[in-house]
């Protein structure tokens, strides 16, 4: 964005006066002020993943299996659950 000389001079004078006053030279941005609408909320835990053992949060994708098993919708969690709850079969030829 190209500023006119007048605007550049105003900004430089303002920053210099802020510096001399001991201010930080920054204008408060209303986008970063406390705002209930945009402030982060504590994530809600909906259960524990049977694959990895970590909490499943309300915004994560998850799979409910057999009505009582909750798994993250991730390859590692599903694989770990299946390995723990299945029987390894070794065929002897």
Protein backbone atom coordinates (compact mmCIF):
# COMPACT_ATOMS: atom_id res chain seq x y z
CA UNK A 1 0.00 0.00 0.00
CA UNK A 2 1.46 3.33 -0.98
CA UNK A 3 1.05 6.12 1.57
CA UNK A 4 0.99 9.79 0.74
CA UNK A 5 3.75 11.95 2.20
CA UNK A 6 1.27 13.55 4.57
CA UNK A 7 0.23 10.18 5.97
CA UNK A 8 3.84 8.99 6.25
CA UNK A 9 4.79 12.11 8.15
CA UNK A 10 1.81 11.77 10.49
CA UNK A 11 2.61 8.11 11.21
CA UNK A 12 6.29 8.85 11.80
CA UNK A 13 5.48 11.77 14.13
CA UNK A 14 2.97 9.65 16.04
CA UNK A 15 5.40 6.74 16.44
CA UNK A 16 8.16 9.11 17.54
CA UNK A 17 5.88 10.73 20.14
CA UNK A 18 4.86 7.28 21.40
CA UNK A 19 8.52 6.31 21.65
CA UNK A 20 9.38 9.48 23.56
CA UNK A 21 6.45 8.88 25.94
CA UNK A 22 7.63 5.34 26.60
CA UNK A 23 4.70 3.74 24.77
CA UNK A 24 5.12 0.72 22.57
CA UNK A 25 4.08 2.59 19.42
CA UNK A 26 1.26 0.22 18.63
CA UNK A 27 -2.41 0.92 18.06
CA UNK A 28 -4.76 -1.46 19.87
CA UNK A 29 -6.38 -3.81 17.37
CA UNK A 30 -10.06 -4.50 18.17
CA UNK A 31 -9.73 -7.92 16.50
CA UNK A 32 -7.46 -9.12 19.33
CA UNK A 33 -9.24 -7.58 22.30
CA UNK A 34 -11.14 -9.96 24.60
CA UNK A 35 -14.28 -11.05 22.82
CA UNK A 36 -16.61 -13.80 24.07
CA UNK A 37 -17.57 -14.70 20.54
CA UNK A 38 -14.02 -15.41 19.36
CA UNK A 39 -12.24 -16.43 22.56
CA UNK A 40 -11.22 -20.08 22.62
CA UNK A 41 -13.34 -22.40 24.73
CA UNK A 42 -12.15 -25.42 26.62
CA UNK A 43 -12.54 -28.48 24.36
CA UNK A 44 -15.20 -30.97 25.50
CA UNK A 45 -13.99 -34.54 26.02
CA UNK A 46 -16.52 -37.06 24.69
CA UNK A 47 -14.62 -40.22 25.60
CA UNK A 48 -11.36 -42.12 25.51
CA UNK A 49 -9.97 -43.72 22.37
CA UNK A 50 -9.65 -47.48 22.79
CA UNK A 51 -6.77 -47.51 20.30
CA UNK A 52 -4.33 -44.91 21.61
CA UNK A 53 -5.81 -44.26 25.07
CA UNK A 54 -6.03 -40.49 24.56
CA UNK A 55 -9.09 -38.29 24.98
CA UNK A 56 -11.47 -37.90 22.04
CA UNK A 57 -12.49 -34.24 21.77
CA UNK A 58 -15.80 -32.98 20.43
CA UNK A 59 -14.26 -31.53 17.24
CA UNK A 60 -12.23 -34.64 16.29
CA UNK A 61 -13.49 -37.27 13.88
CA UNK A 62 -14.21 -40.51 15.70
CA UNK A 63 -15.79 -43.92 15.09
CA UNK A 64 -18.18 -45.59 17.49
CA UNK A 65 -17.84 -49.36 17.20
CA UNK A 66 -20.24 -51.94 18.70
CA UNK A 67 -22.04 -49.17 20.61
CA UNK A 68 -19.41 -48.80 23.36
CA UNK A 69 -16.01 -48.60 21.65
CA UNK A 70 -14.82 -45.14 20.64
CA UNK A 71 -11.85 -44.78 18.27
CA UNK A 72 -10.19 -41.83 16.58
CA UNK A 73 -10.81 -41.99 12.84
CA UNK A 74 -7.09 -42.57 12.24
CA UNK A 75 -5.26 -45.56 10.82
CA UNK A 76 -2.96 -45.99 13.84
CA UNK A 77 -5.77 -46.01 16.42
CA UNK A 78 -7.91 -48.46 14.47
CA UNK A 79 -4.94 -50.75 13.79
CA UNK A 80 -3.87 -50.74 17.45
CA UNK A 81 -7.40 -51.62 18.61
CA UNK A 82 -7.71 -54.48 16.13
CA UNK A 83 -4.28 -55.87 17.08
CA UNK A 84 -5.13 -55.80 20.79
CA UNK A 85 -8.52 -57.47 20.37
CA UNK A 86 -7.74 -60.12 17.82
CA UNK A 87 -5.94 -63.46 17.89
CA UNK A 88 -2.74 -63.91 15.96
CA UNK A 89 -2.82 -67.03 13.82
CA UNK A 90 0.35 -68.69 12.58
CA UNK A 91 -0.07 -71.38 9.96
CA UNK A 92 2.47 -74.18 9.87
CA UNK A 93 2.91 -75.50 6.36
